[in-house]
Amino acid sequence: MSLSPHRAWLVDLDGTLYLPLPVKLAMAAELLVFGLRDLGGIRAFRKEHEALREEGGEWRPSPYRVQLERAAEKLATGGDVDSAVRDLEPRVVEWMQARPGKWIRLFRRKALIAELRAFRTAGGKTALVSDYPGAAKLAALDLAGDFDAVVCNGEEGGPLRLKPEPDGYLLAAERLGVPPGRCLVIGDRDDADGEAARRAGMDFRKV
């Protein structure tokens, strides 16, 4: 297998390594049955993600933390934001990181994963780049050992800006020791992954 022209594949997680629609439908059903009390918080959290993306700029200590705090602020009663954060965070972890595991494993993109592993076996380098924490989902996908670098918002060493800013992909290329021009970004959204790749000077492949 030829590695030219790319020495590294930088792969998005959500919607890329698994089929998004059946996972979304399964999780929506689960929320309606088991998580009605959590539904408002999850919606507020997801809404803030898109707001941060549209606003752009750096978010410290991480976009994930700012997203959590802004969602909690909207949900807070009596102005107790710290308490609202403590209440919301475990719900976000449960519904957006832990519970989806069984579904994303069921709906993995098997052909892409096989291709990724073949590329790595042939000497290519790989990195995961996500706008959300990825450790739990990587474990559920049984892919924790298939990436040479992991760059995830909300985890140590993650980017301070969200896609379509190129920071996550540039960080991944730097950690792999591969020039941006020799990297291929693989993702499901042209407006996020594709635009980030173009800003980073990388090629893009949409799944």
N, C-alpha and C. Protein backbone atom coordinates (compact mmCIF):
# COMPACT_ATOMS: atom_id res chain seq x y z
N MET A 1 0.85 -1.20 0.00
CA MET A 1 0.00 0.00 0.00
C MET A 1 0.88 1.24 0.00
N SER A 2 0.66 2.14 -0.95
CA SER A 2 1.46 3.36 -1.04
C SER A 2 0.96 4.39 -0.04
N LEU A 3 1.89 5.05 0.63
CA LEU A 3 1.52 6.09 1.58
C LEU A 3 1.46 7.46 0.93
N SER A 4 1.95 7.57 -0.30
CA SER A 4 1.97 8.85 -0.99
C SER A 4 0.55 9.20 -1.46
N PRO A 5 0.15 10.48 -1.35
CA PRO A 5 0.93 11.62 -0.91
C PRO A 5 0.80 11.92 0.58
N HIS A 6 0.11 11.09 1.33
CA HIS A 6 -0.15 11.38 2.74
C HIS A 6 0.66 10.47 3.65
N ARG A 7 1.27 11.08 4.65
CA ARG A 7 1.99 10.31 5.67
C ARG A 7 1.16 10.14 6.93
N ALA A 8 0.09 10.91 7.05
CA ALA A 8 -0.74 10.83 8.26
C ALA A 8 -2.20 11.03 7.91
N TRP A 9 -3.05 10.28 8.61
CA TRP A 9 -4.49 10.47 8.53
C TRP A 9 -4.95 11.02 9.87
N LEU A 10 -5.67 12.14 9.82
CA LEU A 10 -6.22 12.79 11.01
C LEU A 10 -7.73 12.63 10.95
N VAL A 11 -8.28 11.89 11.91
CA VAL A 11 -9.64 11.40 11.79
C VAL A 11 -10.55 12.02 12.85
N ASP A 12 -11.68 12.54 12.39
CA ASP A 12 -12.73 13.01 13.30
C ASP A 12 -13.39 11.78 13.94
N LEU A 13 -14.11 11.99 15.04
CA LEU A 13 -14.74 10.88 15.74
C LEU A 13 -16.24 10.79 15.46
N ASP A 14 -17.00 11.73 16.02
CA ASP A 14 -18.46 11.63 15.96
C ASP A 14 -18.99 11.81 14.54
N GLY A 15 -19.72 10.80 14.07
CA GLY A 15 -20.27 10.83 12.73
C GLY A 15 -19.30 10.35 11.67
N THR A 16 -18.05 10.11 12.06
CA THR A 16 -17.03 9.66 11.12
C THR A 16 -16.67 8.21 11.35
N LEU A 17 -16.36 7.84 12.57
CA LEU A 17 -15.99 6.46 12.87
C LEU A 17 -17.21 5.57 13.09
N TYR A 18 -18.39 6.17 13.14
CA TYR A 18 -19.62 5.40 13.23
C TYR A 18 -20.72 6.12 12.45
N LEU A 19 -21.77 5.38 12.10
CA LEU A 19 -22.89 5.95 11.37
C LEU A 19 -23.74 6.80 12.33
N PRO A 20 -23.90 8.08 12.07
CA PRO A 20 -24.53 8.95 13.07
C PRO A 20 -26.04 8.78 13.22
N LEU A 21 -26.77 8.57 12.12
CA LEU A 21 -28.23 8.58 12.20
C LEU A 21 -28.79 7.49 13.12
N PRO A 22 -28.41 6.22 12.95
CA PRO A 22 -28.98 5.22 13.87
C PRO A 22 -28.59 5.44 15.32
N VAL A 23 -27.40 5.99 15.55
CA VAL A 23 -26.98 6.28 16.93
C VAL A 23 -27.84 7.40 17.51
N LYS A 24 -28.07 8.44 16.72
CA LYS A 24 -28.90 9.55 17.19
C LYS A 24 -30.32 9.08 17.50
N LEU A 25 -30.87 8.24 16.64
CA LEU A 25 -32.23 7.74 16.85
C LEU A 25 -32.31 6.88 18.12
N ALA A 26 -31.31 6.02 18.30
CA ALA A 26 -31.29 5.16 19.48
C ALA A 26 -31.16 5.98 20.76
N MET A 27 -30.28 6.98 20.73
CA MET A 27 -30.07 7.80 21.92
C MET A 27 -31.29 8.68 22.20
N ALA A 28 -31.96 9.16 21.15
CA ALA A 28 -33.17 9.96 21.35
C ALA A 28 -34.25 9.11 22.03
N ALA A 29 -34.39 7.86 21.60
CA ALA A 29 -35.37 6.97 22.22
C ALA A 29 -35.00 6.70 23.67
N GLU A 30 -33.72 6.49 23.93
CA GLU A 30 -33.27 6.23 25.29
C GLU A 30 -33.53 7.42 26.20
N LEU A 31 -33.27 8.61 25.68
CA LEU A 31 -33.51 9.82 26.46
C LEU A 31 -35.00 9.96 26.81
N LEU A 32 -35.85 9.68 25.85
CA LEU A 32 -37.29 9.83 26.08
C LEU A 32 -37.79 8.82 27.12
N VAL A 33 -37.18 7.65 27.15
CA VAL A 33 -37.64 6.61 28.07
C VAL A 33 -36.99 6.76 29.45
N PHE A 34 -35.67 7.01 29.45
CA PHE A 34 -34.94 6.97 30.72
C PHE A 34 -34.39 8.32 31.18
N GLY A 35 -34.43 9.33 30.31
CA GLY A 35 -33.71 10.56 30.65
C GLY A 35 -34.49 11.84 30.46
N LEU A 36 -35.82 11.80 30.65
CA LEU A 36 -36.60 13.01 30.44
C LEU A 36 -36.15 14.16 31.34
N ARG A 37 -35.75 13.83 32.57
CA ARG A 37 -35.30 14.89 33.49
C ARG A 37 -33.97 15.50 33.05
N ASP A 38 -33.23 14.79 32.20
CA ASP A 38 -31.93 15.28 31.74
C ASP A 38 -32.01 15.95 30.37
N LEU A 39 -33.15 15.83 29.71
CA LEU A 39 -33.26 16.27 28.32
C LEU A 39 -32.97 17.75 28.15
N GLY A 40 -33.50 18.59 29.04
CA GLY A 40 -33.27 20.03 28.92
C GLY A 40 -31.81 20.39 29.06
N GLY A 41 -31.12 19.75 29.99
CA GLY A 41 -29.70 20.03 30.17
C GLY A 41 -28.87 19.61 28.99
N ILE A 42 -29.17 18.45 28.41
CA ILE A 42 -28.42 17.96 27.25
C ILE A 42 -28.64 18.88 26.06
N ARG A 43 -29.88 19.31 25.88
CA ARG A 43 -30.16 20.24 24.77
C ARG A 43 -29.43 21.56 24.94
N ALA A 44 -29.44 22.08 26.17
CA ALA A 44 -28.74 23.34 26.44
C ALA A 44 -27.25 23.20 26.18
N PHE A 45 -26.68 22.07 26.59
CA PHE A 45 -25.25 21.82 26.40
C PHE A 45 -24.91 21.76 24.91
N ARG A 46 -25.68 21.04 24.12
CA ARG A 46 -25.41 20.93 22.69
C ARG A 46 -25.59 22.27 21.98
N LYS A 47 -26.57 23.05 22.41
CA LYS A 47 -26.80 24.37 21.81
C LYS A 47 -25.60 25.28 22.03
N GLU A 48 -25.00 25.22 23.20
CA GLU A 48 -23.84 26.06 23.49
C GLU A 48 -22.63 25.68 22.63
N HIS A 49 -22.55 24.41 22.25
CA HIS A 49 -21.43 23.99 21.39
C HIS A 49 -21.48 24.73 20.06
N GLU A 50 -22.65 24.77 19.44
CA GLU A 50 -22.79 25.47 18.17
C GLU A 50 -22.59 26.97 18.34
N ALA A 51 -23.02 27.50 19.49
CA ALA A 51 -22.82 28.93 19.74
C ALA A 51 -21.34 29.26 19.83
N LEU A 52 -20.57 28.44 20.54
CA LEU A 52 -19.13 28.67 20.65
C LEU A 52 -18.46 28.56 19.28
N ARG A 53 -18.91 27.60 18.49
CA ARG A 53 -18.33 27.41 17.16
C ARG A 53 -18.57 28.65 16.30
N GLU A 54 -19.77 29.19 16.37
CA GLU A 54 -20.10 30.37 15.57
C GLU A 54 -19.35 31.60 16.06
N GLU A 55 -19.17 31.72 17.36
CA GLU A 55 -18.49 32.89 17.92
C GLU A 55 -17.00 32.87 17.62
N GLY A 56 -16.41 31.69 17.54
CA GLY A 56 -14.97 31.59 17.29
C GLY A 56 -14.17 32.04 18.49
N GLY A 57 -12.87 32.13 18.32
CA GLY A 57 -11.98 32.57 19.40
C GLY A 57 -11.54 31.43 20.29
N GLU A 58 -10.60 31.74 21.20
CA GLU A 58 -10.10 30.76 22.14
C GLU A 58 -10.98 30.70 23.38
N TRP A 59 -11.12 29.49 23.93
CA TRP A 59 -11.95 29.29 25.11
C TRP A 59 -11.12 28.56 26.15
N ARG A 60 -10.89 29.22 27.28
CA ARG A 60 -10.07 28.64 28.34
C ARG A 60 -10.90 28.37 29.58
N PRO A 61 -10.62 27.28 30.29
CA PRO A 61 -9.50 26.35 30.11
C PRO A 61 -9.67 25.40 28.94
N SER A 62 -10.91 25.25 28.44
CA SER A 62 -11.17 24.48 27.23
C SER A 62 -12.55 24.85 26.73
N PRO A 63 -12.81 24.71 25.42
CA PRO A 63 -14.16 24.97 24.93
C PRO A 63 -15.20 24.09 25.62
N TYR A 64 -14.84 22.86 25.93
CA TYR A 64 -15.76 21.94 26.60
C TYR A 64 -16.20 22.49 27.95
N ARG A 65 -15.24 23.01 28.71
CA ARG A 65 -15.56 23.55 30.04
C ARG A 65 -16.43 24.80 29.92
N VAL A 66 -16.10 25.67 28.99
CA VAL A 66 -16.90 26.88 28.80
C VAL A 66 -18.31 26.52 28.35
N GLN A 67 -18.41 25.55 27.47
CA GLN A 67 -19.72 25.07 27.01
C GLN A 67 -20.54 24.57 28.19
N LEU A 68 -19.92 23.80 29.06
CA LEU A 68 -20.60 23.26 30.23
C LEU A 68 -21.06 24.39 31.15
N GLU A 69 -20.19 25.36 31.39
CA GLU A 69 -20.52 26.45 32.30
C GLU A 69 -21.62 27.34 31.74
N ARG A 70 -21.58 27.60 30.44
CA ARG A 70 -22.61 28.44 29.84
C ARG A 70 -23.97 27.75 29.83
N ALA A 71 -23.98 26.45 29.58
CA ALA A 71 -25.23 25.71 29.63
C ALA A 71 -25.77 25.69 31.06
N ALA A 72 -24.89 25.45 32.02
CA ALA A 72 -25.31 25.40 33.43
C ALA A 72 -25.84 26.75 33.88
N GLU A 73 -25.25 27.83 33.40
CA GLU A 73 -25.71 29.17 33.78
C GLU A 73 -27.15 29.39 33.34
N LYS A 74 -27.51 28.88 32.18
CA LYS A 74 -28.88 29.04 31.69
C LYS A 74 -29.86 28.18 32.48
N LEU A 75 -29.34 27.09 33.07
CA LEU A 75 -30.20 26.18 33.82
C LEU A 75 -30.25 26.49 35.31
N ALA A 76 -29.34 27.36 35.76
CA ALA A 76 -29.19 27.61 37.20
C ALA A 76 -30.44 28.25 37.78
N THR A 77 -30.78 27.81 38.99
CA THR A 77 -31.87 28.44 39.73
C THR A 77 -31.27 29.20 40.91
N GLY A 78 -31.71 30.41 41.10
CA GLY A 78 -31.19 31.23 42.18
C GLY A 78 -29.77 31.71 41.95
N GLY A 79 -29.29 31.61 40.70
CA GLY A 79 -27.96 32.13 40.38
C GLY A 79 -26.81 31.26 40.84
N ASP A 80 -27.08 30.05 41.30
CA ASP A 80 -26.02 29.17 41.80
C ASP A 80 -25.44 28.37 40.63
N VAL A 81 -24.53 29.00 39.89
CA VAL A 81 -23.98 28.38 38.69
C VAL A 81 -23.08 27.20 39.04
N ASP A 82 -22.28 27.32 40.09
CA ASP A 82 -21.38 26.23 40.47
C ASP A 82 -22.17 24.96 40.76
N SER A 83 -23.26 25.10 41.47
CA SER A 83 -24.11 23.95 41.77
C SER A 83 -24.71 23.38 40.50
N ALA A 84 -25.10 24.27 39.57
CA ALA A 84 -25.68 23.82 38.31
C ALA A 84 -24.65 23.06 37.48
N VAL A 85 -23.40 23.50 37.50
CA VAL A 85 -22.33 22.79 36.79
C VAL A 85 -22.15 21.40 37.38
N ARG A 86 -22.11 21.32 38.71
CA ARG A 86 -21.94 20.01 39.37
C ARG A 86 -23.09 19.07 39.06
N ASP A 87 -24.27 19.63 38.86
CA ASP A 87 -25.43 18.82 38.54
C ASP A 87 -25.43 18.39 37.07
N LEU A 88 -25.03 19.29 36.20
CA LEU A 88 -25.10 19.03 34.76
C LEU A 88 -23.98 18.12 34.27
N GLU A 89 -22.78 18.28 34.79
CA GLU A 89 -21.63 17.57 34.23
C GLU A 89 -21.80 16.05 34.21
N PRO A 90 -22.21 15.41 35.32
CA PRO A 90 -22.36 13.95 35.25
C PRO A 90 -23.44 13.51 34.27
N ARG A 91 -24.45 14.34 34.06
CA ARG A 91 -25.49 14.01 33.08
C ARG A 91 -24.93 14.05 31.67
N VAL A 92 -24.11 15.05 31.40
CA VAL A 92 -23.47 15.16 30.09
C VAL A 92 -22.56 13.96 29.86
N VAL A 93 -21.77 13.61 30.85
CA VAL A 93 -20.87 12.45 30.72
C VAL A 93 -21.68 11.19 30.46
N GLU A 94 -22.77 11.01 31.19
CA GLU A 94 -23.59 9.81 31.02
C GLU A 94 -24.20 9.72 29.64
N TRP A 95 -24.84 10.81 29.20
CA TRP A 95 -25.63 10.75 27.97
C TRP A 95 -24.84 11.01 26.70
N MET A 96 -23.71 11.68 26.82
CA MET A 96 -22.95 12.01 25.61
C MET A 96 -21.63 11.25 25.48
N GLN A 97 -21.21 10.58 26.56
CA GLN A 97 -19.96 9.84 26.47
C GLN A 97 -20.14 8.36 26.83
N ALA A 98 -20.86 8.06 27.90
CA ALA A 98 -20.97 6.67 28.37
C ALA A 98 -22.07 5.89 27.65
N ARG A 99 -23.30 6.37 27.73
CA ARG A 99 -24.42 5.61 27.17
C ARG A 99 -24.33 5.38 25.66
N PRO A 100 -23.80 6.31 24.86
CA PRO A 100 -23.73 6.03 23.42
C PRO A 100 -22.79 4.89 23.05
N GLY A 101 -21.96 4.44 23.99
CA GLY A 101 -20.93 3.46 23.67
C GLY A 101 -21.45 2.21 22.99
N LYS A 102 -22.51 1.64 23.52
CA LYS A 102 -23.03 0.38 22.95
C LYS A 102 -23.57 0.58 21.55
N TRP A 103 -24.09 1.78 21.28
CA TRP A 103 -24.65 2.04 19.96
C TRP A 103 -23.57 2.36 18.94
N ILE A 104 -22.59 3.16 19.32
CA ILE A 104 -21.55 3.48 18.34
C ILE A 104 -20.72 2.24 17.99
N ARG A 105 -20.58 1.32 18.95
CA ARG A 105 -19.88 0.08 18.63
C ARG A 105 -20.70 -0.74 17.62
N LEU A 106 -22.01 -0.76 17.79
CA LEU A 106 -22.87 -1.51 16.89
C LEU A 106 -22.86 -0.95 15.48
N PHE A 107 -22.74 0.39 15.38
CA PHE A 107 -22.82 1.04 14.07
C PHE A 107 -21.48 1.61 13.62
N ARG A 108 -20.40 0.95 13.96
CA ARG A 108 -19.07 1.36 13.50
C ARG A 108 -19.00 1.34 11.97
N ARG A 109 -18.20 2.24 11.42
CA ARG A 109 -17.91 2.19 9.98
C ARG A 109 -16.78 1.17 9.79
N LYS A 110 -17.15 -0.08 9.60
CA LYS A 110 -16.17 -1.16 9.59
C LYS A 110 -15.17 -1.03 8.45
N ALA A 111 -15.64 -0.61 7.28
CA ALA A 111 -14.73 -0.49 6.14
C ALA A 111 -13.69 0.59 6.39
N LEU A 112 -14.12 1.73 6.94
CA LEU A 112 -13.17 2.81 7.22
C LEU A 112 -12.16 2.39 8.29
N ILE A 113 -12.64 1.71 9.32
CA ILE A 113 -11.74 1.26 10.38
C ILE A 113 -10.72 0.27 9.84
N ALA A 114 -11.15 -0.63 8.97
CA ALA A 114 -10.21 -1.59 8.35
C ALA A 114 -9.19 -0.85 7.50
N GLU A 115 -9.64 0.17 6.78
CA GLU A 115 -8.74 0.97 5.94
C GLU A 115 -7.73 1.72 6.80
N LEU A 116 -8.21 2.27 7.90
CA LEU A 116 -7.35 3.00 8.82
C LEU A 116 -6.26 2.09 9.39
N ARG A 117 -6.66 0.90 9.78
CA ARG A 117 -5.69 -0.04 10.35
C ARG A 117 -4.68 -0.51 9.31
N ALA A 118 -5.13 -0.69 8.08
CA ALA A 118 -4.22 -1.09 7.01
C ALA A 118 -3.21 0.00 6.72
N PHE A 119 -3.68 1.25 6.73
CA PHE A 119 -2.78 2.39 6.51
C PHE A 119 -1.72 2.45 7.59
N ARG A 120 -2.12 2.24 8.82
CA ARG A 120 -1.18 2.29 9.95
C ARG A 120 -0.20 1.12 9.90
N THR A 121 -0.70 -0.05 9.55
CA THR A 121 0.17 -1.23 9.43
C THR A 121 1.24 -1.02 8.36
N ALA A 122 0.86 -0.29 7.30
CA ALA A 122 1.79 -0.03 6.21
C ALA A 122 2.80 1.07 6.54
N GLY A 123 2.68 1.66 7.72
CA GLY A 123 3.66 2.67 8.13
C GLY A 123 3.12 4.07 8.26
N GLY A 124 1.85 4.28 7.94
CA GLY A 124 1.26 5.60 8.10
C GLY A 124 1.01 5.93 9.57
N LYS A 125 0.89 7.22 9.85
CA LYS A 125 0.59 7.67 11.21
C LYS A 125 -0.87 8.12 11.28
N THR A 126 -1.45 7.97 12.46
CA THR A 126 -2.86 8.30 12.62
C THR A 126 -3.08 9.14 13.88
N ALA A 127 -4.07 10.02 13.80
CA ALA A 127 -4.46 10.81 14.97
C ALA A 127 -5.97 10.97 14.98
N LEU A 128 -6.53 10.99 16.17
CA LEU A 128 -7.94 11.30 16.36
C LEU A 128 -8.04 12.77 16.76
N VAL A 129 -8.95 13.50 16.13
CA VAL A 129 -9.15 14.91 16.44
C VAL A 129 -10.64 15.16 16.61
N SER A 130 -11.05 15.51 17.83
CA SER A 130 -12.48 15.65 18.12
C SER A 130 -12.77 16.92 18.91
N ASP A 131 -13.94 17.49 18.66
CA ASP A 131 -14.41 18.65 19.41
C ASP A 131 -15.08 18.26 20.72
N TYR A 132 -15.11 16.97 21.02
CA TYR A 132 -15.65 16.47 22.28
C TYR A 132 -14.66 15.48 22.89
N PRO A 133 -14.74 15.21 24.19
CA PRO A 133 -13.89 14.18 24.78
C PRO A 133 -14.07 12.85 24.06
N GLY A 134 -12.97 12.12 23.85
CA GLY A 134 -13.04 10.93 23.02
C GLY A 134 -12.69 9.62 23.70
N ALA A 135 -12.16 9.65 24.92
CA ALA A 135 -11.63 8.42 25.54
C ALA A 135 -12.68 7.33 25.66
N ALA A 136 -13.86 7.66 26.18
CA ALA A 136 -14.90 6.65 26.39
C ALA A 136 -15.37 6.06 25.07
N LYS A 137 -15.53 6.89 24.06
CA LYS A 137 -16.01 6.41 22.77
C LYS A 137 -14.94 5.59 22.06
N LEU A 138 -13.70 5.99 22.18
CA LEU A 138 -12.62 5.18 21.59
C LEU A 138 -12.59 3.79 22.21
N ALA A 139 -12.77 3.72 23.52
CA ALA A 139 -12.79 2.43 24.19
C ALA A 139 -13.98 1.60 23.71
N ALA A 140 -15.14 2.24 23.57
CA ALA A 140 -16.33 1.52 23.10
C ALA A 140 -16.15 1.01 21.68
N LEU A 141 -15.43 1.75 20.86
CA LEU A 141 -15.16 1.36 19.48
C LEU A 141 -14.02 0.36 19.36
N ASP A 142 -13.35 0.09 20.49
CA ASP A 142 -12.17 -0.78 20.51
C ASP A 142 -11.07 -0.22 19.61
N LEU A 143 -10.88 1.10 19.67
CA LEU A 143 -9.90 1.77 18.83
C LEU A 143 -8.85 2.52 19.64
N ALA A 144 -8.83 2.33 20.95
CA ALA A 144 -7.92 3.11 21.79
C ALA A 144 -6.46 2.93 21.39
N GLY A 145 -6.11 1.77 20.82
CA GLY A 145 -4.72 1.53 20.44
C GLY A 145 -4.42 1.78 18.98
N ASP A 146 -5.36 2.37 18.26
CA ASP A 146 -5.19 2.53 16.82
C ASP A 146 -4.76 3.93 16.39
N PHE A 147 -4.50 4.80 17.36
CA PHE A 147 -4.10 6.17 17.03
C PHE A 147 -2.78 6.51 17.72
N ASP A 148 -1.90 7.14 16.96
CA ASP A 148 -0.61 7.55 17.50
C ASP A 148 -0.71 8.83 18.32
N ALA A 149 -1.78 9.58 18.10
CA ALA A 149 -2.02 10.81 18.87
C ALA A 149 -3.52 11.00 18.99
N VAL A 150 -3.95 11.56 20.12
CA VAL A 150 -5.36 11.86 20.35
C VAL A 150 -5.46 13.31 20.81
N VAL A 151 -6.20 14.10 20.06
CA VAL A 151 -6.37 15.53 20.35
C VAL A 151 -7.86 15.80 20.49
N CYS A 152 -8.32 15.90 21.73
CA CYS A 152 -9.76 16.04 21.98
C CYS A 152 -10.05 17.22 22.88
N ASN A 153 -11.02 18.02 22.50
CA ASN A 153 -11.51 19.09 23.34
C ASN A 153 -12.02 18.50 24.65
N GLY A 154 -11.62 19.12 25.77
CA GLY A 154 -12.06 18.66 27.08
C GLY A 154 -11.13 17.64 27.70
N GLU A 155 -10.09 17.23 26.97
CA GLU A 155 -9.09 16.31 27.52
C GLU A 155 -7.73 16.99 27.51
N GLU A 156 -6.80 16.47 28.28
CA GLU A 156 -5.48 17.10 28.43
C GLU A 156 -4.82 17.29 27.07
N GLY A 157 -4.32 18.50 26.86
CA GLY A 157 -3.63 18.81 25.61
C GLY A 157 -4.56 19.08 24.45
N GLY A 158 -5.85 19.25 24.73
CA GLY A 158 -6.82 19.51 23.66
C GLY A 158 -6.74 20.93 23.14
N PRO A 159 -7.39 21.21 22.01
CA PRO A 159 -7.35 22.55 21.40
C PRO A 159 -8.18 23.56 22.19
N LEU A 160 -7.84 24.82 22.03
CA LEU A 160 -8.58 25.90 22.69
C LEU A 160 -9.63 26.52 21.77
N ARG A 161 -9.64 26.09 20.53
CA ARG A 161 -10.65 26.58 19.58
C ARG A 161 -11.30 25.38 18.90
N LEU A 162 -12.56 25.55 18.52
CA LEU A 162 -13.32 24.49 17.88
C LEU A 162 -13.18 24.55 16.36
N LYS A 163 -13.43 23.45 15.70
CA LYS A 163 -13.53 23.46 14.24
C LYS A 163 -14.66 24.41 13.84
N PRO A 164 -14.53 25.15 12.76
CA PRO A 164 -13.57 24.98 11.68
C PRO A 164 -12.21 25.63 11.87
N GLU A 165 -11.90 26.13 13.07
CA GLU A 165 -10.54 26.57 13.31
C GLU A 165 -9.62 25.35 13.18
N PRO A 166 -8.42 25.55 12.68
CA PRO A 166 -7.55 24.40 12.36
C PRO A 166 -6.73 23.88 13.53
N ASP A 167 -6.89 24.47 14.72
CA ASP A 167 -5.98 24.18 15.83
C ASP A 167 -5.82 22.69 16.14
N GLY A 168 -6.94 21.97 16.22
CA GLY A 168 -6.87 20.55 16.58
C GLY A 168 -6.07 19.75 15.58
N TYR A 169 -6.28 20.01 14.30
CA TYR A 169 -5.55 19.27 13.27
C TYR A 169 -4.08 19.66 13.22
N LEU A 170 -3.80 20.93 13.44
CA LEU A 170 -2.40 21.37 13.46
C LEU A 170 -1.66 20.79 14.67
N LEU A 171 -2.34 20.72 15.82
CA LEU A 171 -1.74 20.08 16.99
C LEU A 171 -1.43 18.62 16.71
N ALA A 172 -2.37 17.94 16.06
CA ALA A 172 -2.17 16.52 15.76
C ALA A 172 -0.99 16.33 14.82
N ALA A 173 -0.90 17.15 13.78
CA ALA A 173 0.22 17.03 12.85
C ALA A 173 1.55 17.26 13.55
N GLU A 174 1.57 18.26 14.44
CA GLU A 174 2.80 18.57 15.19
C GLU A 174 3.20 17.38 16.06
N ARG A 175 2.23 16.78 16.74
CA ARG A 175 2.56 15.66 17.63
C ARG A 175 2.98 14.42 16.86
N LEU A 176 2.50 14.30 15.63
CA LEU A 176 2.92 13.18 14.79
C LEU A 176 4.24 13.45 14.09
N GLY A 177 4.66 14.71 14.06
CA GLY A 177 5.89 15.07 13.36
C GLY A 177 5.73 15.02 11.85
N VAL A 178 4.53 15.33 11.36
CA VAL A 178 4.24 15.28 9.93
C VAL A 178 3.83 16.67 9.45
N PRO A 179 4.40 17.18 8.35
CA PRO A 179 4.00 18.50 7.84
C PRO A 179 2.52 18.51 7.47
N PRO A 180 1.84 19.64 7.68
CA PRO A 180 0.41 19.71 7.34
C PRO A 180 0.10 19.27 5.91
N GLY A 181 0.97 19.62 4.98
CA GLY A 181 0.73 19.28 3.58
C GLY A 181 0.77 17.80 3.28
N ARG A 182 1.24 17.00 4.23
CA ARG A 182 1.28 15.55 4.04
C ARG A 182 0.22 14.84 4.87
N CYS A 183 -0.76 15.62 5.37
CA CYS A 183 -1.82 15.06 6.20
C CYS A 183 -3.15 15.04 5.45
N LEU A 184 -3.91 13.97 5.67
CA LEU A 184 -5.27 13.86 5.16
C LEU A 184 -6.25 13.89 6.32
N VAL A 185 -7.19 14.81 6.28
CA VAL A 185 -8.25 14.88 7.28
C VAL A 185 -9.44 14.06 6.78
N ILE A 186 -9.97 13.20 7.63
CA ILE A 186 -11.15 12.40 7.30
C ILE A 186 -12.26 12.78 8.28
N GLY A 187 -13.38 13.28 7.75
CA GLY A 187 -14.46 13.72 8.61
C GLY A 187 -15.80 13.66 7.91
N ASP A 188 -16.85 13.99 8.67
CA ASP A 188 -18.20 13.89 8.12
C ASP A 188 -18.82 15.23 7.79
N ARG A 189 -18.18 16.33 8.18
CA ARG A 189 -18.77 17.65 7.94
C ARG A 189 -17.79 18.54 7.19
N ASP A 190 -18.21 18.95 5.98
CA ASP A 190 -17.34 19.82 5.21
C ASP A 190 -17.23 21.20 5.85
N ASP A 191 -18.30 21.65 6.52
CA ASP A 191 -18.29 22.98 7.12
C ASP A 191 -17.43 23.03 8.38
N ALA A 192 -17.12 21.89 8.96
CA ALA A 192 -16.30 21.85 10.17
C ALA A 192 -14.95 21.20 9.88
N ASP A 193 -14.95 19.89 9.63
CA ASP A 193 -13.70 19.19 9.35
C ASP A 193 -13.06 19.66 8.04
N GLY A 194 -13.87 19.79 7.00
CA GLY A 194 -13.34 20.21 5.71
C GLY A 194 -12.74 21.59 5.75
N GLU A 195 -13.46 22.54 6.34
CA GLU A 195 -12.96 23.90 6.42
C GLU A 195 -11.73 23.99 7.31
N ALA A 196 -11.73 23.23 8.41
CA ALA A 196 -10.54 23.20 9.28
C ALA A 196 -9.33 22.66 8.51
N ALA A 197 -9.56 21.63 7.71
CA ALA A 197 -8.46 21.06 6.91
C ALA A 197 -7.92 22.09 5.92
N ARG A 198 -8.80 22.79 5.26
CA ARG A 198 -8.35 23.79 4.29
C ARG A 198 -7.56 24.90 4.96
N ARG A 199 -8.01 25.34 6.13
CA ARG A 199 -7.29 26.39 6.85
C ARG A 199 -5.93 25.90 7.33
N ALA A 200 -5.83 24.59 7.56
CA ALA A 200 -4.56 24.01 8.03
C ALA A 200 -3.64 23.66 6.88
N GLY A 201 -4.10 23.78 5.63
CA GLY A 201 -3.29 23.41 4.49
C GLY A 201 -3.23 21.90 4.29
N MET A 202 -4.31 21.20 4.65
CA MET A 202 -4.37 19.74 4.54
C MET A 202 -5.45 19.33 3.56
N ASP A 203 -5.32 18.12 3.02
CA ASP A 203 -6.35 17.55 2.17
C ASP A 203 -7.51 17.06 3.03
N PHE A 204 -8.69 16.93 2.41
CA PHE A 204 -9.87 16.51 3.15
C PHE A 204 -10.61 15.43 2.38
N ARG A 205 -11.06 14.45 3.12
CA ARG A 205 -11.90 13.37 2.56
C ARG A 205 -13.15 13.25 3.41
N LYS A 206 -14.31 13.38 2.77
CA LYS A 206 -15.59 13.28 3.48
C LYS A 206 -16.07 11.84 3.44
N VAL A 207 -16.52 11.34 4.61
CA VAL A 207 -17.04 9.97 4.65
C VAL A 207 -18.47 9.94 4.12
